[in-house]
Amino acid sequence: MTLPALSHCRNMLLLGGWVLACGGAEAQEQPPPLLRPGHVDLRVEGAASLLPLSIEAGATVDVGVLPLATGTLSLGAELSGNLCALACWVPNLFLDRDTSRWELSAVGRLGYHFTLANRNYSKVDLFGVLLGGVLEPHTTVTTPAYRFEGRGRGPVFGLGIGGNYFPSSSRIFVGGEARLRFSTGAYELTLSRGTHEFTDDERRWVRLGLSTAFFVGVRLF
């Protein structure tokens, strides 16, 4: 092989190595998991709520809509159900008054997604969110002397903070969110057995609760 041919081969090998090195660097440097405009996150979740002690399940969708500073403004919606747990079950064991309560809520979400440089850049999408929507509580009270049902509808407001963790380069993520919510309103009460004079506490509901949700989700787009 002539000297020019050897020189040409050496140049080709150097060029090939440079291309492979660049390709490897690009493969290792994954884009951050930050929700961007046009991204859609869908997740299903389970939660435990304090004050009162209850359990929840629901589904949430978040859509990135607008870049803001170093993060992304998002809009979303949440549909969930809440079942009164220990707050109802424990008193029912000791009283002749049996209370059951469950609630449905449909909530809009205004969020801001961000990352922390050099800390969670490649794995975690953090967010804070404002909540606002409608709560529908359903309550049934049964005693030896009477039975009544209460239904209502009222506004619910809240705020939350959480994060989505992407364990790999896939679209699947897991995460958690802490929420503080408040709602109040009046029941429409129906007496189905016996006689009973309703108290002011029975006619109204007040919900001030802190819940922690854990979820699994997928980034659709």
N, C-alpha and C. Protein backbone atom coordinates (compact mmCIF):
# COMPACT_ATOMS: atom_id res chain seq x y z
N MET A 1 0.87 -1.20 0.00
CA MET A 1 0.00 0.00 0.00
C MET A 1 0.89 1.23 0.00
N THR A 2 0.57 2.20 -0.82
CA THR A 2 1.38 3.40 -0.96
C THR A 2 1.20 4.31 0.24
N LEU A 3 2.11 5.27 0.39
CA LEU A 3 2.06 6.21 1.49
C LEU A 3 0.80 7.07 1.45
N PRO A 4 0.40 7.62 0.28
CA PRO A 4 -0.85 8.39 0.26
C PRO A 4 -2.06 7.55 0.69
N ALA A 5 -2.08 6.26 0.30
CA ALA A 5 -3.22 5.40 0.68
C ALA A 5 -3.25 5.20 2.19
N LEU A 6 -2.04 4.99 2.78
CA LEU A 6 -1.99 4.82 4.23
C LEU A 6 -2.46 6.08 4.94
N SER A 7 -2.06 7.23 4.43
CA SER A 7 -2.48 8.49 5.04
C SER A 7 -3.98 8.67 4.94
N HIS A 8 -4.54 8.26 3.80
CA HIS A 8 -5.98 8.38 3.62
C HIS A 8 -6.73 7.47 4.60
N CYS A 9 -6.23 6.25 4.77
CA CYS A 9 -6.86 5.31 5.71
C CYS A 9 -6.81 5.85 7.14
N ARG A 10 -5.64 6.44 7.49
CA ARG A 10 -5.51 6.98 8.84
C ARG A 10 -6.52 8.11 9.08
N ASN A 11 -6.68 8.98 8.08
CA ASN A 11 -7.64 10.09 8.21
C ASN A 11 -9.07 9.57 8.35
N MET A 12 -9.40 8.53 7.60
CA MET A 12 -10.74 7.95 7.68
C MET A 12 -11.00 7.34 9.05
N LEU A 13 -9.97 6.67 9.62
CA LEU A 13 -10.13 6.09 10.94
C LEU A 13 -10.32 7.16 12.00
N LEU A 14 -9.55 8.25 11.89
CA LEU A 14 -9.70 9.35 12.84
C LEU A 14 -11.09 9.96 12.75
N LEU A 15 -11.57 10.15 11.51
CA LEU A 15 -12.90 10.72 11.32
C LEU A 15 -13.98 9.80 11.88
N GLY A 16 -13.83 8.49 11.63
CA GLY A 16 -14.81 7.54 12.15
C GLY A 16 -14.83 7.53 13.67
N GLY A 17 -13.65 7.61 14.30
CA GLY A 17 -13.60 7.65 15.76
C GLY A 17 -14.25 8.89 16.32
N TRP A 18 -14.04 10.03 15.63
CA TRP A 18 -14.65 11.28 16.08
C TRP A 18 -16.17 11.20 15.99
N VAL A 19 -16.71 10.63 14.91
CA VAL A 19 -18.16 10.48 14.74
C VAL A 19 -18.73 9.57 15.82
N LEU A 20 -18.04 8.45 16.11
CA LEU A 20 -18.51 7.54 17.14
C LEU A 20 -18.49 8.20 18.51
N ALA A 21 -17.45 8.97 18.78
CA ALA A 21 -17.36 9.66 20.07
C ALA A 21 -18.49 10.65 20.22
N CYS A 22 -18.77 11.42 19.16
CA CYS A 22 -19.88 12.39 19.23
C CYS A 22 -21.21 11.68 19.41
N GLY A 23 -21.38 10.59 18.68
CA GLY A 23 -22.63 9.83 18.81
C GLY A 23 -22.81 9.29 20.21
N GLY A 24 -21.70 8.79 20.82
CA GLY A 24 -21.80 8.28 22.18
C GLY A 24 -22.12 9.38 23.17
N ALA A 25 -21.52 10.55 22.97
CA ALA A 25 -21.81 11.66 23.87
C ALA A 25 -23.26 12.08 23.78
N GLU A 26 -23.81 12.10 22.54
CA GLU A 26 -25.21 12.47 22.38
C GLU A 26 -26.12 11.43 23.01
N ALA A 27 -25.72 10.14 22.91
CA ALA A 27 -26.54 9.09 23.49
C ALA A 27 -26.57 9.20 25.01
N GLN A 28 -25.41 9.60 25.60
CA GLN A 28 -25.36 9.71 27.04
C GLN A 28 -26.06 10.97 27.54
N GLU A 29 -26.03 12.03 26.77
CA GLU A 29 -26.61 13.29 27.21
C GLU A 29 -28.09 13.34 26.81
N GLN A 30 -28.96 12.75 27.63
CA GLN A 30 -30.39 12.72 27.35
C GLN A 30 -31.02 14.08 27.65
N PRO A 31 -32.06 14.44 26.91
CA PRO A 31 -32.75 15.69 27.22
C PRO A 31 -33.40 15.60 28.58
N PRO A 32 -33.55 16.72 29.29
CA PRO A 32 -34.15 16.69 30.62
C PRO A 32 -35.62 16.27 30.54
N PRO A 33 -36.18 15.71 31.61
CA PRO A 33 -37.57 15.25 31.61
C PRO A 33 -38.58 16.38 31.83
N LEU A 34 -38.12 17.61 31.80
CA LEU A 34 -39.01 18.75 32.01
C LEU A 34 -40.17 18.73 31.02
N LEU A 35 -41.39 18.91 31.53
CA LEU A 35 -42.56 19.03 30.67
C LEU A 35 -42.41 20.26 29.79
N ARG A 36 -42.51 20.08 28.49
CA ARG A 36 -42.36 21.16 27.53
C ARG A 36 -43.70 21.47 26.87
N PRO A 37 -43.85 22.66 26.25
CA PRO A 37 -45.09 22.94 25.51
C PRO A 37 -45.37 21.87 24.48
N GLY A 38 -46.59 21.34 24.48
CA GLY A 38 -46.97 20.25 23.59
C GLY A 38 -46.88 18.87 24.22
N HIS A 39 -46.14 18.74 25.32
CA HIS A 39 -46.08 17.46 26.04
C HIS A 39 -47.40 17.22 26.78
N VAL A 40 -47.79 15.95 26.86
CA VAL A 40 -49.01 15.56 27.58
C VAL A 40 -48.66 14.42 28.53
N ASP A 41 -48.89 14.63 29.83
CA ASP A 41 -48.67 13.60 30.84
C ASP A 41 -50.01 13.07 31.33
N LEU A 42 -50.16 11.76 31.31
CA LEU A 42 -51.36 11.09 31.82
C LEU A 42 -50.94 10.16 32.94
N ARG A 43 -51.66 10.20 34.08
CA ARG A 43 -51.27 9.36 35.21
C ARG A 43 -52.49 8.88 35.99
N VAL A 44 -52.33 7.74 36.64
CA VAL A 44 -53.32 7.22 37.57
C VAL A 44 -52.68 7.20 38.95
N GLU A 45 -53.50 7.43 39.99
CA GLU A 45 -52.91 7.65 41.30
C GLU A 45 -53.78 7.09 42.42
N GLY A 46 -53.13 6.83 43.53
CA GLY A 46 -53.79 6.50 44.78
C GLY A 46 -53.26 7.44 45.84
N ALA A 47 -54.12 7.80 46.81
CA ALA A 47 -53.72 8.79 47.80
C ALA A 47 -54.33 8.48 49.15
N ALA A 48 -53.69 9.00 50.18
CA ALA A 48 -54.21 8.96 51.54
C ALA A 48 -54.33 10.40 52.02
N SER A 49 -55.47 10.72 52.61
CA SER A 49 -55.75 12.09 53.03
C SER A 49 -55.85 12.17 54.55
N LEU A 50 -55.35 13.26 55.11
CA LEU A 50 -55.48 13.56 56.53
C LEU A 50 -56.52 14.65 56.72
N LEU A 51 -57.18 14.61 57.86
CA LEU A 51 -58.19 15.63 58.23
C LEU A 51 -59.26 15.78 57.16
N PRO A 52 -60.18 14.82 56.96
CA PRO A 52 -60.27 13.58 57.74
C PRO A 52 -59.42 12.48 57.12
N LEU A 53 -59.22 11.41 57.89
CA LEU A 53 -58.48 10.26 57.40
C LEU A 53 -59.31 9.53 56.34
N SER A 54 -58.83 9.50 55.12
CA SER A 54 -59.59 8.91 54.02
C SER A 54 -58.62 8.41 52.96
N ILE A 55 -59.16 7.68 51.99
CA ILE A 55 -58.35 7.16 50.89
C ILE A 55 -58.94 7.67 49.58
N GLU A 56 -58.09 7.81 48.58
CA GLU A 56 -58.49 8.40 47.31
C GLU A 56 -57.92 7.60 46.14
N ALA A 57 -58.56 7.76 44.99
CA ALA A 57 -58.05 7.23 43.73
C ALA A 57 -58.52 8.15 42.62
N GLY A 58 -57.71 8.28 41.56
CA GLY A 58 -58.10 9.18 40.50
C GLY A 58 -57.17 9.13 39.31
N ALA A 59 -57.42 10.05 38.38
CA ALA A 59 -56.60 10.17 37.17
C ALA A 59 -56.38 11.65 36.88
N THR A 60 -55.22 11.96 36.32
CA THR A 60 -54.84 13.34 36.07
C THR A 60 -54.19 13.45 34.70
N VAL A 61 -54.44 14.57 34.02
CA VAL A 61 -53.75 14.88 32.77
C VAL A 61 -53.17 16.29 32.88
N ASP A 62 -51.93 16.46 32.46
CA ASP A 62 -51.25 17.75 32.44
C ASP A 62 -50.69 17.99 31.04
N VAL A 63 -50.88 19.21 30.55
CA VAL A 63 -50.43 19.59 29.20
C VAL A 63 -49.52 20.81 29.31
N GLY A 64 -48.32 20.72 28.77
CA GLY A 64 -47.43 21.87 28.72
C GLY A 64 -47.93 22.88 27.69
N VAL A 65 -48.06 24.15 28.08
CA VAL A 65 -48.66 25.13 27.18
C VAL A 65 -47.76 26.32 26.86
N LEU A 66 -46.85 26.70 27.79
CA LEU A 66 -46.12 27.94 27.56
C LEU A 66 -44.79 27.92 28.31
N PRO A 67 -43.67 28.22 27.62
CA PRO A 67 -42.40 28.34 28.34
C PRO A 67 -42.41 29.60 29.21
N LEU A 68 -41.92 29.47 30.43
CA LEU A 68 -41.90 30.59 31.35
C LEU A 68 -40.60 30.52 32.16
N ALA A 69 -39.74 31.54 31.97
CA ALA A 69 -38.41 31.54 32.59
C ALA A 69 -37.68 30.26 32.19
N THR A 70 -37.22 29.48 33.14
CA THR A 70 -36.52 28.24 32.82
C THR A 70 -37.43 27.02 32.88
N GLY A 71 -38.73 27.22 33.10
CA GLY A 71 -39.68 26.12 33.22
C GLY A 71 -40.81 26.22 32.21
N THR A 72 -41.91 25.54 32.53
CA THR A 72 -43.06 25.45 31.62
C THR A 72 -44.35 25.61 32.40
N LEU A 73 -45.22 26.47 31.89
CA LEU A 73 -46.56 26.61 32.44
C LEU A 73 -47.44 25.51 31.87
N SER A 74 -48.26 24.88 32.72
CA SER A 74 -49.10 23.77 32.28
C SER A 74 -50.54 23.97 32.70
N LEU A 75 -51.44 23.35 31.95
CA LEU A 75 -52.86 23.27 32.29
C LEU A 75 -53.24 21.80 32.37
N GLY A 76 -54.16 21.49 33.26
CA GLY A 76 -54.55 20.10 33.40
C GLY A 76 -55.89 19.93 34.07
N ALA A 77 -56.25 18.68 34.28
CA ALA A 77 -57.52 18.34 34.93
C ALA A 77 -57.33 17.08 35.75
N GLU A 78 -58.13 16.97 36.79
CA GLU A 78 -58.04 15.83 37.71
C GLU A 78 -59.44 15.37 38.09
N LEU A 79 -59.68 14.08 38.00
CA LEU A 79 -60.95 13.48 38.42
C LEU A 79 -60.62 12.44 39.48
N SER A 80 -61.24 12.55 40.66
CA SER A 80 -60.89 11.63 41.74
C SER A 80 -62.10 11.34 42.62
N GLY A 81 -62.00 10.22 43.35
CA GLY A 81 -62.99 9.84 44.33
C GLY A 81 -62.32 9.66 45.69
N ASN A 82 -63.04 10.03 46.74
CA ASN A 82 -62.51 9.97 48.09
C ASN A 82 -63.49 9.19 48.96
N LEU A 83 -62.99 8.22 49.71
CA LEU A 83 -63.81 7.41 50.61
C LEU A 83 -63.35 7.63 52.04
N CYS A 84 -64.29 8.04 52.89
CA CYS A 84 -63.99 8.23 54.30
C CYS A 84 -63.56 6.90 54.90
N ALA A 85 -62.39 6.88 55.50
CA ALA A 85 -61.83 5.62 56.03
C ALA A 85 -61.89 5.63 57.56
N LEU A 86 -60.73 5.76 58.21
CA LEU A 86 -60.68 5.66 59.66
C LEU A 86 -61.54 6.72 60.34
N ALA A 87 -61.66 7.90 59.72
CA ALA A 87 -62.46 8.95 60.32
C ALA A 87 -63.91 8.54 60.49
N CYS A 88 -64.39 7.62 59.66
CA CYS A 88 -65.76 7.11 59.78
C CYS A 88 -65.79 5.74 60.46
N TRP A 89 -64.84 4.87 60.11
CA TRP A 89 -64.90 3.48 60.57
C TRP A 89 -64.69 3.36 62.08
N VAL A 90 -63.75 4.12 62.64
CA VAL A 90 -63.47 4.01 64.06
C VAL A 90 -64.65 4.47 64.91
N PRO A 91 -65.25 5.66 64.68
CA PRO A 91 -66.42 6.04 65.47
C PRO A 91 -67.58 5.06 65.32
N ASN A 92 -67.74 4.47 64.13
CA ASN A 92 -68.84 3.52 63.93
C ASN A 92 -68.72 2.30 64.85
N LEU A 93 -67.51 1.97 65.30
CA LEU A 93 -67.32 0.81 66.17
C LEU A 93 -67.85 1.06 67.58
N PHE A 94 -67.92 2.33 67.99
CA PHE A 94 -68.26 2.64 69.38
C PHE A 94 -69.58 3.38 69.53
N LEU A 95 -70.20 3.78 68.44
CA LEU A 95 -71.45 4.53 68.52
C LEU A 95 -72.58 3.75 67.86
N ASP A 96 -73.82 4.10 68.24
CA ASP A 96 -74.97 3.50 67.56
C ASP A 96 -75.37 4.32 66.34
N ARG A 97 -74.47 5.15 65.89
CA ARG A 97 -74.67 6.00 64.72
C ARG A 97 -73.65 5.58 63.66
N ASP A 98 -74.11 5.03 62.56
CA ASP A 98 -73.23 4.55 61.48
C ASP A 98 -73.19 5.61 60.38
N THR A 99 -71.98 6.10 60.09
CA THR A 99 -71.80 7.15 59.08
C THR A 99 -70.93 6.63 57.95
N SER A 100 -71.39 6.82 56.74
CA SER A 100 -70.57 6.52 55.56
C SER A 100 -70.52 7.76 54.69
N ARG A 101 -69.35 8.00 54.08
CA ARG A 101 -69.20 9.22 53.29
C ARG A 101 -68.23 8.97 52.15
N TRP A 102 -68.59 9.41 50.97
CA TRP A 102 -67.68 9.39 49.83
C TRP A 102 -67.91 10.65 49.01
N GLU A 103 -66.90 11.02 48.24
CA GLU A 103 -66.92 12.29 47.50
C GLU A 103 -66.33 12.11 46.12
N LEU A 104 -66.84 12.88 45.19
CA LEU A 104 -66.28 12.99 43.84
C LEU A 104 -65.82 14.42 43.62
N SER A 105 -64.70 14.58 42.94
CA SER A 105 -64.22 15.92 42.64
C SER A 105 -63.69 15.99 41.21
N ALA A 106 -63.96 17.10 40.56
CA ALA A 106 -63.42 17.42 39.23
C ALA A 106 -62.70 18.75 39.36
N VAL A 107 -61.39 18.74 39.12
CA VAL A 107 -60.54 19.88 39.46
C VAL A 107 -59.68 20.27 38.28
N GLY A 108 -59.58 21.56 38.02
CA GLY A 108 -58.64 22.09 37.05
C GLY A 108 -57.30 22.37 37.71
N ARG A 109 -56.23 22.28 36.92
CA ARG A 109 -54.88 22.42 37.46
C ARG A 109 -54.09 23.46 36.64
N LEU A 110 -53.52 24.43 37.32
CA LEU A 110 -52.60 25.39 36.72
C LEU A 110 -51.25 25.18 37.36
N GLY A 111 -50.28 24.69 36.58
CA GLY A 111 -49.02 24.28 37.17
C GLY A 111 -47.81 24.95 36.54
N TYR A 112 -46.70 24.81 37.24
CA TYR A 112 -45.41 25.28 36.73
C TYR A 112 -44.39 24.16 36.95
N HIS A 113 -43.78 23.70 35.85
CA HIS A 113 -42.82 22.60 35.89
C HIS A 113 -41.40 23.15 35.75
N PHE A 114 -40.48 22.57 36.52
CA PHE A 114 -39.11 23.07 36.51
C PHE A 114 -38.15 21.96 36.92
N THR A 115 -36.87 22.18 36.70
CA THR A 115 -35.81 21.27 37.16
C THR A 115 -34.79 22.08 37.95
N LEU A 116 -33.97 21.38 38.71
CA LEU A 116 -32.90 22.02 39.46
C LEU A 116 -31.56 21.62 38.85
N ALA A 117 -30.82 22.59 38.36
CA ALA A 117 -29.55 22.31 37.69
C ALA A 117 -28.60 21.55 38.60
N ASN A 118 -27.94 20.54 38.00
CA ASN A 118 -26.94 19.72 38.68
C ASN A 118 -27.51 18.86 39.80
N ARG A 119 -28.83 18.79 39.92
CA ARG A 119 -29.43 17.97 40.96
C ARG A 119 -30.40 16.95 40.37
N ASN A 120 -31.40 17.42 39.61
CA ASN A 120 -32.39 16.49 39.08
C ASN A 120 -32.58 16.67 37.59
N TYR A 121 -31.58 17.26 36.94
CA TYR A 121 -31.73 17.65 35.54
C TYR A 121 -32.10 16.49 34.64
N SER A 122 -31.54 15.32 34.87
CA SER A 122 -31.72 14.21 33.93
C SER A 122 -32.79 13.21 34.34
N LYS A 123 -33.40 13.36 35.53
CA LYS A 123 -34.33 12.34 36.00
C LYS A 123 -35.69 12.87 36.45
N VAL A 124 -35.75 14.06 37.03
CA VAL A 124 -36.95 14.50 37.75
C VAL A 124 -37.51 15.79 37.16
N ASP A 125 -38.82 15.80 37.00
CA ASP A 125 -39.58 16.99 36.59
C ASP A 125 -40.38 17.44 37.81
N LEU A 126 -39.97 18.54 38.43
CA LEU A 126 -40.67 19.07 39.61
C LEU A 126 -41.78 20.02 39.18
N PHE A 127 -42.78 20.20 40.05
CA PHE A 127 -43.86 21.12 39.72
C PHE A 127 -44.58 21.60 40.97
N GLY A 128 -45.15 22.80 40.85
CA GLY A 128 -46.10 23.33 41.81
C GLY A 128 -47.40 23.58 41.06
N VAL A 129 -48.54 23.48 41.75
CA VAL A 129 -49.82 23.54 41.06
C VAL A 129 -50.88 24.22 41.92
N LEU A 130 -51.74 25.01 41.28
CA LEU A 130 -52.94 25.58 41.90
C LEU A 130 -54.14 24.79 41.43
N LEU A 131 -55.07 24.51 42.35
CA LEU A 131 -56.22 23.65 42.07
C LEU A 131 -57.52 24.44 42.26
N GLY A 132 -58.49 24.16 41.41
CA GLY A 132 -59.81 24.77 41.56
C GLY A 132 -60.85 23.98 40.79
N GLY A 133 -61.99 23.68 41.45
CA GLY A 133 -63.00 22.89 40.76
C GLY A 133 -64.24 22.69 41.60
N VAL A 134 -64.85 21.52 41.46
CA VAL A 134 -66.13 21.21 42.10
C VAL A 134 -66.00 19.92 42.91
N LEU A 135 -66.61 19.94 44.11
CA LEU A 135 -66.65 18.76 44.97
C LEU A 135 -68.11 18.37 45.21
N GLU A 136 -68.40 17.07 45.11
CA GLU A 136 -69.74 16.54 45.38
C GLU A 136 -69.65 15.51 46.51
N PRO A 137 -70.05 15.88 47.74
CA PRO A 137 -70.02 14.92 48.84
C PRO A 137 -71.35 14.16 48.96
N HIS A 138 -71.26 12.91 49.37
CA HIS A 138 -72.44 12.05 49.59
C HIS A 138 -72.28 11.42 50.98
N THR A 139 -73.25 11.63 51.85
CA THR A 139 -73.19 11.13 53.22
C THR A 139 -74.46 10.37 53.57
N THR A 140 -74.31 9.25 54.27
CA THR A 140 -75.44 8.47 54.78
C THR A 140 -75.24 8.23 56.27
N VAL A 141 -76.25 8.56 57.06
CA VAL A 141 -76.20 8.36 58.50
C VAL A 141 -77.35 7.44 58.90
N THR A 142 -77.02 6.38 59.62
CA THR A 142 -78.03 5.40 60.03
C THR A 142 -77.94 5.19 61.55
N THR A 143 -79.07 5.28 62.23
CA THR A 143 -79.18 4.98 63.66
C THR A 143 -80.40 4.09 63.87
N PRO A 144 -80.59 3.52 65.08
CA PRO A 144 -81.80 2.73 65.32
C PRO A 144 -83.10 3.53 65.13
N ALA A 145 -83.04 4.85 65.31
CA ALA A 145 -84.27 5.66 65.27
C ALA A 145 -84.52 6.32 63.92
N TYR A 146 -83.49 6.53 63.10
CA TYR A 146 -83.69 7.25 61.84
C TYR A 146 -82.55 6.94 60.87
N ARG A 147 -82.78 7.34 59.63
CA ARG A 147 -81.76 7.22 58.59
C ARG A 147 -81.93 8.38 57.63
N PHE A 148 -80.85 9.04 57.27
CA PHE A 148 -80.94 10.11 56.28
C PHE A 148 -79.73 10.12 55.38
N GLU A 149 -79.92 10.75 54.22
CA GLU A 149 -78.85 10.90 53.23
C GLU A 149 -78.66 12.38 52.92
N GLY A 150 -77.41 12.74 52.66
CA GLY A 150 -77.09 14.11 52.30
C GLY A 150 -76.26 14.16 51.02
N ARG A 151 -76.66 15.04 50.14
CA ARG A 151 -75.91 15.26 48.90
C ARG A 151 -75.66 16.75 48.74
N GLY A 152 -74.52 17.08 48.19
CA GLY A 152 -74.19 18.49 48.02
C GLY A 152 -73.27 18.73 46.84
N ARG A 153 -73.01 20.00 46.60
CA ARG A 153 -72.07 20.39 45.55
C ARG A 153 -71.52 21.76 45.91
N GLY A 154 -70.21 21.91 45.83
CA GLY A 154 -69.60 23.18 46.17
C GLY A 154 -68.21 23.30 45.59
N PRO A 155 -67.64 24.51 45.64
CA PRO A 155 -66.30 24.72 45.08
C PRO A 155 -65.23 24.11 45.97
N VAL A 156 -64.14 23.72 45.35
CA VAL A 156 -62.98 23.23 46.08
C VAL A 156 -61.75 23.95 45.53
N PHE A 157 -60.86 24.37 46.44
CA PHE A 157 -59.64 25.08 46.06
C PHE A 157 -58.45 24.43 46.77
N GLY A 158 -57.29 24.59 46.19
CA GLY A 158 -56.12 24.01 46.83
C GLY A 158 -54.83 24.34 46.11
N LEU A 159 -53.77 23.78 46.61
CA LEU A 159 -52.44 23.91 46.01
C LEU A 159 -51.67 22.64 46.29
N GLY A 160 -50.64 22.42 45.49
CA GLY A 160 -49.86 21.20 45.66
C GLY A 160 -48.45 21.37 45.12
N ILE A 161 -47.60 20.41 45.49
CA ILE A 161 -46.23 20.38 44.99
C ILE A 161 -45.82 18.92 44.86
N GLY A 162 -45.07 18.60 43.81
CA GLY A 162 -44.70 17.21 43.59
C GLY A 162 -43.62 17.07 42.54
N GLY A 163 -43.46 15.85 42.04
CA GLY A 163 -42.45 15.59 41.04
C GLY A 163 -42.69 14.29 40.29
N ASN A 164 -42.25 14.25 39.04
CA ASN A 164 -42.28 13.05 38.20
C ASN A 164 -40.85 12.53 38.05
N TYR A 165 -40.66 11.26 38.36
CA TYR A 165 -39.34 10.64 38.27
C TYR A 165 -39.31 9.67 37.10
N PHE A 166 -38.40 9.88 36.17
CA PHE A 166 -38.22 9.02 35.00
C PHE A 166 -37.03 8.11 35.26
N PRO A 167 -37.25 6.83 35.60
CA PRO A 167 -36.13 5.95 35.95
C PRO A 167 -35.25 5.58 34.76
N SER A 168 -35.73 5.77 33.53
CA SER A 168 -34.95 5.45 32.35
C SER A 168 -35.30 6.43 31.26
N SER A 169 -34.86 6.15 30.05
CA SER A 169 -35.14 7.04 28.93
C SER A 169 -36.52 6.81 28.33
N SER A 170 -37.34 5.94 28.95
CA SER A 170 -38.68 5.67 28.43
C SER A 170 -39.63 6.80 28.82
N ARG A 171 -40.87 6.69 28.34
CA ARG A 171 -41.89 7.69 28.64
C ARG A 171 -42.62 7.41 29.96
N ILE A 172 -42.35 6.28 30.58
CA ILE A 172 -43.02 5.91 31.82
C ILE A 172 -42.35 6.61 33.01
N PHE A 173 -43.16 7.11 33.95
CA PHE A 173 -42.60 7.75 35.13
C PHE A 173 -43.44 7.40 36.35
N VAL A 174 -42.85 7.61 37.51
CA VAL A 174 -43.54 7.48 38.79
C VAL A 174 -43.34 8.79 39.54
N GLY A 175 -44.14 8.99 40.59
CA GLY A 175 -43.98 10.23 41.32
C GLY A 175 -44.92 10.36 42.48
N GLY A 176 -44.90 11.55 43.08
CA GLY A 176 -45.76 11.84 44.22
C GLY A 176 -46.14 13.31 44.23
N GLU A 177 -47.21 13.62 44.96
CA GLU A 177 -47.70 14.99 45.05
C GLU A 177 -48.39 15.18 46.39
N ALA A 178 -48.05 16.26 47.09
CA ALA A 178 -48.72 16.65 48.33
C ALA A 178 -49.68 17.79 48.02
N ARG A 179 -50.94 17.68 48.52
CA ARG A 179 -51.97 18.68 48.21
C ARG A 179 -52.66 19.15 49.48
N LEU A 180 -52.95 20.41 49.52
CA LEU A 180 -53.78 20.99 50.58
C LEU A 180 -55.03 21.55 49.92
N ARG A 181 -56.22 21.07 50.34
CA ARG A 181 -57.47 21.46 49.68
C ARG A 181 -58.51 21.90 50.71
N PHE A 182 -59.40 22.79 50.26
CA PHE A 182 -60.46 23.30 51.12
C PHE A 182 -61.76 23.37 50.33
N SER A 183 -62.86 22.96 50.99
CA SER A 183 -64.18 23.05 50.38
C SER A 183 -65.24 23.16 51.47
N THR A 184 -66.32 23.89 51.19
CA THR A 184 -67.43 23.99 52.12
C THR A 184 -68.72 24.21 51.34
N GLY A 185 -69.83 23.82 51.92
CA GLY A 185 -71.12 23.96 51.25
C GLY A 185 -72.24 23.39 52.11
N ALA A 186 -73.44 23.34 51.55
CA ALA A 186 -74.63 22.88 52.26
C ALA A 186 -75.15 21.59 51.63
N TYR A 187 -75.57 20.66 52.49
CA TYR A 187 -76.17 19.41 52.04
C TYR A 187 -77.65 19.62 51.71
N GLU A 188 -78.13 18.83 50.76
CA GLU A 188 -79.56 18.60 50.59
C GLU A 188 -79.87 17.29 51.30
N LEU A 189 -80.60 17.36 52.41
CA LEU A 189 -80.82 16.21 53.28
C LEU A 189 -82.17 15.57 53.01
N THR A 190 -82.17 14.25 53.00
CA THR A 190 -83.40 13.47 52.78
C THR A 190 -83.53 12.44 53.89
N LEU A 191 -84.63 12.53 54.67
CA LEU A 191 -84.89 11.59 55.74
C LEU A 191 -85.66 10.40 55.17
N SER A 192 -85.07 9.22 55.23
CA SER A 192 -85.69 8.04 54.64
C SER A 192 -86.34 7.12 55.66
N ARG A 193 -86.08 7.35 56.96
CA ARG A 193 -86.71 6.53 58.00
C ARG A 193 -86.71 7.28 59.32
N GLY A 194 -87.83 7.18 60.07
CA GLY A 194 -87.93 7.77 61.39
C GLY A 194 -88.10 9.28 61.34
N THR A 195 -87.88 9.92 62.47
CA THR A 195 -87.97 11.38 62.59
C THR A 195 -86.67 11.91 63.19
N HIS A 196 -86.27 13.10 62.75
CA HIS A 196 -85.00 13.66 63.22
C HIS A 196 -84.97 15.15 62.90
N GLU A 197 -84.51 15.94 63.86
CA GLU A 197 -84.30 17.37 63.66
C GLU A 197 -82.83 17.59 63.29
N PHE A 198 -82.60 18.07 62.08
CA PHE A 198 -81.23 18.23 61.59
C PHE A 198 -80.54 19.40 62.30
N THR A 199 -79.28 19.18 62.66
CA THR A 199 -78.48 20.23 63.27
C THR A 199 -77.75 21.03 62.19
N ASP A 200 -77.18 22.15 62.59
CA ASP A 200 -76.41 22.97 61.65
C ASP A 200 -75.19 22.21 61.14
N ASP A 201 -74.57 21.41 62.01
CA ASP A 201 -73.40 20.63 61.59
C ASP A 201 -73.78 19.58 60.55
N GLU A 202 -74.98 19.03 60.64
CA GLU A 202 -75.42 18.04 59.67
C GLU A 202 -75.81 18.68 58.34
N ARG A 203 -76.20 19.93 58.37
CA ARG A 203 -76.64 20.61 57.15
C ARG A 203 -75.48 21.12 56.30
N ARG A 204 -74.31 21.27 56.91
CA ARG A 204 -73.17 21.83 56.17
C ARG A 204 -71.98 20.88 56.23
N TRP A 205 -71.12 21.01 55.24
CA TRP A 205 -69.85 20.26 55.29
C TRP A 205 -68.70 21.25 55.15
N VAL A 206 -67.61 20.90 55.78
CA VAL A 206 -66.36 21.64 55.66
C VAL A 206 -65.25 20.61 55.48
N ARG A 207 -64.47 20.76 54.43
CA ARG A 207 -63.36 19.85 54.16
C ARG A 207 -62.07 20.67 54.06
N LEU A 208 -61.17 20.41 54.96
CA LEU A 208 -59.82 20.98 54.92
C LEU A 208 -58.87 19.81 55.09
N GLY A 209 -58.24 19.40 54.02
CA GLY A 209 -57.46 18.17 54.07
C GLY A 209 -56.11 18.29 53.40
N LEU A 210 -55.15 17.56 53.97
CA LEU A 210 -53.82 17.42 53.38
C LEU A 210 -53.68 15.98 52.92
N SER A 211 -53.42 15.80 51.65
CA SER A 211 -53.31 14.44 51.11
C SER A 211 -51.97 14.27 50.42
N THR A 212 -51.52 13.02 50.38
CA THR A 212 -50.29 12.65 49.68
C THR A 212 -50.64 11.59 48.65
N ALA A 213 -50.39 11.90 47.38
CA ALA A 213 -50.72 11.00 46.28
C ALA A 213 -49.45 10.39 45.72
N PHE A 214 -49.54 9.11 45.34
CA PHE A 214 -48.48 8.42 44.64
C PHE A 214 -49.06 7.90 43.31
N PHE A 215 -48.28 7.99 42.25
CA PHE A 215 -48.85 7.71 40.94
C PHE A 215 -47.84 7.10 39.99
N VAL A 216 -48.37 6.53 38.93
CA VAL A 216 -47.58 6.07 37.79
C VAL A 216 -48.20 6.71 36.55
N GLY A 217 -47.35 7.13 35.62
CA GLY A 217 -47.86 7.85 34.46
C GLY A 217 -47.05 7.58 33.21
N VAL A 218 -47.54 8.17 32.12
CA VAL A 218 -46.86 8.05 30.83
C VAL A 218 -46.91 9.40 30.14
N ARG A 219 -45.82 9.78 29.52
CA ARG A 219 -45.77 11.00 28.71
C ARG A 219 -46.18 10.62 27.29
N LEU A 220 -47.40 11.01 26.91
CA LEU A 220 -47.98 10.59 25.63
C LEU A 220 -47.27 11.23 24.45
N PHE A 221 -46.92 12.50 24.57
CA PHE A 221 -46.29 13.23 23.46
C PHE A 221 -45.09 13.98 23.98
